[in-house]
Amino acid sequence: MKKGTKYALILGAIPFVTLVFALPLVNRIHPVVLGLPFLLFWILAWVILTPAILF
């Protein structure tokens, strides 16, 4: 496997891991961030960060 391919797979795995496996850890109503429950803020943040990571 090429070095660039490994790098791309690792970068692609970061959003997947944070959105799938970290959700039970951040599934809280309180604290509230920017007026949103923390879980909703977490998902929204990663939806915004994913294209930035993969670009």
PDB file of N, CA and C in Angstrom:
ATOM      1  N   MET A   1       0.846  -1.171   0.000  1.00  0.00           N
ATOM      2  CA  MET A   1       0.000   0.000   0.000  1.00  0.00           C
ATOM      3  C   MET A   1       0.896   1.240   0.000  1.00  0.00           C
ATOM      4  N   LYS A   2       0.537   2.233  -0.802  1.00  0.00           N
ATOM      5  CA  LYS A   2       1.320   3.456  -0.891  1.00  0.00           C
ATOM      6  C   LYS A   2       1.171   4.283   0.383  1.00  0.00           C
ATOM      7  N   LYS A   3       2.169   5.109   0.622  1.00  0.00           N
ATOM      8  CA  LYS A   3       2.146   5.967   1.802  1.00  0.00           C
ATOM      9  C   LYS A   3       0.943   6.915   1.768  1.00  0.00           C
ATOM     10  N   GLY A   4       0.646   7.468   0.595  1.00  0.00           N
ATOM     11  CA  GLY A   4      -0.491   8.372   0.466  1.00  0.00           C
ATOM     12  C   GLY A   4      -1.821   7.686   0.729  1.00  0.00           C
ATOM     13  N   THR A   5      -1.920   6.425   0.343  1.00  0.00           N
ATOM     14  CA  THR A   5      -3.149   5.671   0.570  1.00  0.00           C
ATOM     15  C   THR A   5      -3.358   5.415   2.057  1.00  0.00           C
ATOM     16  N   LYS A   6      -2.296   5.060   2.759  1.00  0.00           N
ATOM     17  CA  LYS A   6      -2.405   4.853   4.208  1.00  0.00           C
ATOM     18  C   LYS A   6      -2.821   6.144   4.897  1.00  0.00           C
ATOM     19  N   TYR A   7      -2.216   7.232   4.483  1.00  0.00           N
ATOM     20  CA  TYR A   7      -2.527   8.531   5.056  1.00  0.00           C
ATOM     21  C   TYR A   7      -4.003   8.877   4.834  1.00  0.00           C
ATOM     22  N   ALA A   8      -4.503   8.630   3.642  1.00  0.00           N
ATOM     23  CA  ALA A   8      -5.902   8.916   3.324  1.00  0.00           C
ATOM     24  C   ALA A   8      -6.848   8.036   4.137  1.00  0.00           C
ATOM     25  N   LEU A   9      -6.504   6.773   4.325  1.00  0.00           N
ATOM     26  CA  LEU A   9      -7.348   5.880   5.124  1.00  0.00           C
ATOM     27  C   LEU A   9      -7.392   6.309   6.583  1.00  0.00           C
ATOM     28  N   ILE A  10      -6.263   6.714   7.108  1.00  0.00           N
ATOM     29  CA  ILE A  10      -6.223   7.177   8.503  1.00  0.00           C
ATOM     30  C   ILE A  10      -7.054   8.442   8.659  1.00  0.00           C
ATOM     31  N   LEU A  11      -6.889   9.388   7.736  1.00  0.00           N
ATOM     32  CA  LEU A  11      -7.679  10.618   7.801  1.00  0.00           C
ATOM     33  C   LEU A  11      -9.168  10.341   7.618  1.00  0.00           C
ATOM     34  N   GLY A  12      -9.518   9.390   6.783  1.00  0.00           N
ATOM     35  CA  GLY A  12     -10.918   9.038   6.593  1.00  0.00           C
ATOM     36  C   GLY A  12     -11.516   8.312   7.781  1.00  0.00           C
ATOM     37  N   ALA A  13     -10.680   7.637   8.551  1.00  0.00           N
ATOM     38  CA  ALA A  13     -11.163   6.902   9.721  1.00  0.00           C
ATOM     39  C   ALA A  13     -11.439   7.817  10.907  1.00  0.00           C
ATOM     40  N   ILE A  14     -10.780   8.955  10.970  1.00  0.00           N
ATOM     41  CA  ILE A  14     -10.960   9.854  12.118  1.00  0.00           C
ATOM     42  C   ILE A  14     -12.418  10.290  12.272  1.00  0.00           C
ATOM     43  N   PRO A  15     -13.071  10.848  11.242  1.00  0.00           N
ATOM     44  CA  PRO A  15     -14.477  11.227  11.412  1.00  0.00           C
ATOM     45  C   PRO A  15     -15.382  10.026  11.699  1.00  0.00           C
ATOM     46  N   PHE A  16     -15.110   8.900  11.066  1.00  0.00           N
ATOM     47  CA  PHE A  16     -15.918   7.704  11.300  1.00  0.00           C
ATOM     48  C   PHE A  16     -15.852   7.286  12.765  1.00  0.00           C
ATOM     49  N   VAL A  17     -14.663   7.225  13.305  1.00  0.00           N
ATOM     50  CA  VAL A  17     -14.483   6.805  14.700  1.00  0.00           C
ATOM     51  C   VAL A  17     -15.137   7.805  15.647  1.00  0.00           C
ATOM     52  N   THR A  18     -14.951   9.091  15.396  1.00  0.00           N
ATOM     53  CA  THR A  18     -15.527  10.084  16.306  1.00  0.00           C
ATOM     54  C   THR A  18     -17.044  10.128  16.234  1.00  0.00           C
ATOM     55  N   LEU A  19     -17.624   9.847  15.076  1.00  0.00           N
ATOM     56  CA  LEU A  19     -19.079   9.898  14.967  1.00  0.00           C
ATOM     57  C   LEU A  19     -19.753   8.599  15.393  1.00  0.00           C
ATOM     58  N   VAL A  20     -19.097   7.472  15.233  1.00  0.00           N
ATOM     59  CA  VAL A  20     -19.734   6.195  15.551  1.00  0.00           C
ATOM     60  C   VAL A  20     -19.379   5.718  16.956  1.00  0.00           C
ATOM     61  N   PHE A  21     -18.105   5.654  17.262  1.00  0.00           N
ATOM     62  CA  PHE A  21     -17.691   5.044  18.523  1.00  0.00           C
ATOM     63  C   PHE A  21     -17.659   6.012  19.698  1.00  0.00           C
ATOM     64  N   ALA A  22     -17.557   7.305  19.437  1.00  0.00           N
ATOM     65  CA  ALA A  22     -17.503   8.260  20.538  1.00  0.00           C
ATOM     66  C   ALA A  22     -18.889   8.745  20.958  1.00  0.00           C
ATOM     67  N   LEU A  23     -19.921   8.456  20.180  1.00  0.00           N
ATOM     68  CA  LEU A  23     -21.259   8.939  20.523  1.00  0.00           C
ATOM     69  C   LEU A  23     -21.742   8.483  21.899  1.00  0.00           C
ATOM     70  N   PRO A  24     -21.544   7.236  22.298  1.00  0.00           N
ATOM     71  CA  PRO A  24     -21.980   6.875  23.653  1.00  0.00           C
ATOM     72  C   PRO A  24     -21.248   7.658  24.748  1.00  0.00           C
ATOM     73  N   LEU A  25     -20.053   8.111  24.459  1.00  0.00           N
ATOM     74  CA  LEU A  25     -19.288   8.874  25.450  1.00  0.00           C
ATOM     75  C   LEU A  25     -19.761  10.313  25.573  1.00  0.00           C
ATOM     76  N   VAL A  26     -20.301  10.865  24.513  1.00  0.00           N
ATOM     77  CA  VAL A  26     -20.728  12.266  24.535  1.00  0.00           C
ATOM     78  C   VAL A  26     -22.247  12.405  24.572  1.00  0.00           C
ATOM     79  N   ASN A  27     -22.964  11.340  24.787  1.00  0.00           N
ATOM     80  CA  ASN A  27     -24.419  11.361  24.804  1.00  0.00           C
ATOM     81  C   ASN A  27     -24.916  11.949  26.125  1.00  0.00           C
ATOM     82  N   ARG A  28     -24.885  13.270  26.185  1.00  0.00           N
ATOM     83  CA  ARG A  28     -25.313  14.003  27.370  1.00  0.00           C
ATOM     84  C   ARG A  28     -26.203  15.164  26.934  1.00  0.00           C
ATOM     85  N   ILE A  29     -27.167  15.509  27.745  1.00  0.00           N
ATOM     86  CA  ILE A  29     -27.975  16.694  27.471  1.00  0.00           C
ATOM     87  C   ILE A  29     -27.263  17.923  28.014  1.00  0.00           C
ATOM     88  N   HIS A  30     -26.716  17.786  29.197  1.00  0.00           N
ATOM     89  CA  HIS A  30     -25.959  18.890  29.797  1.00  0.00           C
ATOM     90  C   HIS A  30     -24.503  18.516  29.758  1.00  0.00           C
ATOM     91  N   PRO A  31     -23.603  19.277  29.333  1.00  0.00           N
ATOM     92  CA  PRO A  31     -23.598  20.721  29.138  1.00  0.00           C
ATOM     93  C   PRO A  31     -24.229  21.128  27.810  1.00  0.00           C
ATOM     94  N   VAL A  32     -24.570  22.384  27.752  1.00  0.00           N
ATOM     95  CA  VAL A  32     -25.124  22.965  26.536  1.00  0.00           C
ATOM     96  C   VAL A  32     -24.038  23.836  25.909  1.00  0.00           C
ATOM     97  N   VAL A  33     -23.775  23.633  24.628  1.00  0.00           N
ATOM     98  CA  VAL A  33     -22.759  24.404  23.915  1.00  0.00           C
ATOM     99  C   VAL A  33     -23.445  25.179  22.797  1.00  0.00           C
ATOM    100  N   LEU A  34     -23.286  26.486  22.805  1.00  0.00           N
ATOM    101  CA  LEU A  34     -23.915  27.361  21.808  1.00  0.00           C
ATOM    102  C   LEU A  34     -25.425  27.153  21.741  1.00  0.00           C
ATOM    103  N   GLY A  35     -26.035  26.858  22.868  1.00  0.00           N
ATOM    104  CA  GLY A  35     -27.474  26.654  22.929  1.00  0.00           C
ATOM    105  C   GLY A  35     -27.945  25.292  22.458  1.00  0.00           C
ATOM    106  N   LEU A  36     -27.014  24.406  22.121  1.00  0.00           N
ATOM    107  CA  LEU A  36     -27.357  23.067  21.639  1.00  0.00           C
ATOM    108  C   LEU A  36     -26.966  22.027  22.678  1.00  0.00           C
ATOM    109  N   PRO A  37     -27.730  20.949  22.799  1.00  0.00           N
ATOM    110  CA  PRO A  37     -27.262  19.838  23.628  1.00  0.00           C
ATOM    111  C   PRO A  37     -25.917  19.346  23.098  1.00  0.00           C
ATOM    112  N   PHE A  38     -25.080  18.850  23.993  1.00  0.00           N
ATOM    113  CA  PHE A  38     -23.712  18.510  23.622  1.00  0.00           C
ATOM    114  C   PHE A  38     -23.649  17.498  22.490  1.00  0.00           C
ATOM    115  N   LEU A  39     -24.543  16.507  22.471  1.00  0.00           N
ATOM    116  CA  LEU A  39     -24.532  15.501  21.405  1.00  0.00           C
ATOM    117  C   LEU A  39     -24.799  16.135  20.043  1.00  0.00           C
ATOM    118  N   LEU A  40     -25.765  17.019  19.970  1.00  0.00           N
ATOM    119  CA  LEU A  40     -26.064  17.693  18.707  1.00  0.00           C
ATOM    120  C   LEU A  40     -24.898  18.577  18.277  1.00  0.00           C
ATOM    121  N   PHE A  41     -24.288  19.273  19.231  1.00  0.00           N
ATOM    122  CA  PHE A  41     -23.111  20.085  18.918  1.00  0.00           C
ATOM    123  C   PHE A  41     -21.968  19.215  18.407  1.00  0.00           C
ATOM    124  N   TRP A  42     -21.754  18.042  19.020  1.00  0.00           N
ATOM    125  CA  TRP A  42     -20.682  17.122  18.621  1.00  0.00           C
ATOM    126  C   TRP A  42     -20.875  16.667  17.171  1.00  0.00           C
ATOM    127  N   ILE A  43     -22.094  16.258  16.845  1.00  0.00           N
ATOM    128  CA  ILE A  43     -22.382  15.793  15.484  1.00  0.00           C
ATOM    129  C   ILE A  43     -22.228  16.942  14.488  1.00  0.00           C
ATOM    130  N   LEU A  44     -22.758  18.104  14.814  1.00  0.00           N
ATOM    131  CA  LEU A  44     -22.653  19.257  13.925  1.00  0.00           C
ATOM    132  C   LEU A  44     -21.197  19.670  13.721  1.00  0.00           C
ATOM    133  N   ALA A  45     -20.414  19.646  14.777  1.00  0.00           N
ATOM    134  CA  ALA A  45     -18.998  20.003  14.663  1.00  0.00           C
ATOM    135  C   ALA A  45     -18.272  19.042  13.733  1.00  0.00           C
ATOM    136  N   TRP A  46     -18.555  17.756  13.846  1.00  0.00           N
ATOM    137  CA  TRP A  46     -17.868  16.784  12.989  1.00  0.00           C
ATOM    138  C   TRP A  46     -18.373  16.812  11.559  1.00  0.00           C
ATOM    139  N   VAL A  47     -19.629  17.187  11.352  1.00  0.00           N
ATOM    140  CA  VAL A  47     -20.126  17.352   9.980  1.00  0.00           C
ATOM    141  C   VAL A  47     -19.386  18.511   9.310  1.00  0.00           C
ATOM    142  N   ILE A  48     -19.072  19.544  10.066  1.00  0.00           N
ATOM    143  CA  ILE A  48     -18.321  20.677   9.526  1.00  0.00           C
ATOM    144  C   ILE A  48     -16.836  20.343   9.390  1.00  0.00           C
ATOM    145  N   LEU A  49     -16.268  19.611  10.348  1.00  0.00           N
ATOM    146  CA  LEU A  49     -14.837  19.301  10.334  1.00  0.00           C
ATOM    147  C   LEU A  49     -14.448  18.221   9.322  1.00  0.00           C
ATOM    148  N   THR A  50     -15.353  17.321   9.011  1.00  0.00           N
ATOM    149  CA  THR A  50     -15.011  16.211   8.112  1.00  0.00           C
ATOM    150  C   THR A  50     -14.498  16.676   6.748  1.00  0.00           C
ATOM    151  N   PRO A  51     -15.162  17.592   6.063  1.00  0.00           N
ATOM    152  CA  PRO A  51     -14.596  18.042   4.783  1.00  0.00           C
ATOM    153  C   PRO A  51     -13.244  18.734   4.949  1.00  0.00           C
ATOM    154  N   ALA A  52     -13.070  19.446   6.064  1.00  0.00           N
ATOM    155  CA  ALA A  52     -11.785  20.108   6.302  1.00  0.00           C
ATOM    156  C   ALA A  52     -10.671  19.084   6.490  1.00  0.00           C
ATOM    157  N   ILE A  53     -10.965  17.991   7.174  1.00  0.00           N
ATOM    158  CA  ILE A  53      -9.960  16.946   7.392  1.00  0.00           C
ATOM    159  C   ILE A  53      -9.646  16.225   6.090  1.00  0.00           C
ATOM    160  N   LEU A  54     -10.662  15.951   5.298  1.00  0.00           N
ATOM    161  CA  LEU A  54     -10.461  15.170   4.083  1.00  0.00           C
ATOM    162  C   LEU A  54      -9.978  15.992   2.892  1.00  0.00           C
ATOM    163  N   PHE A  55      -9.965  17.323   3.025  1.00  0.00           N
ATOM    164  CA  PHE A  55      -9.502  18.165   1.930  1.00  0.00           C
ATOM    165  C   PHE A  55      -8.024  18.149   1.932  1.00  0.00           C
TER     166      PHE A  55
END
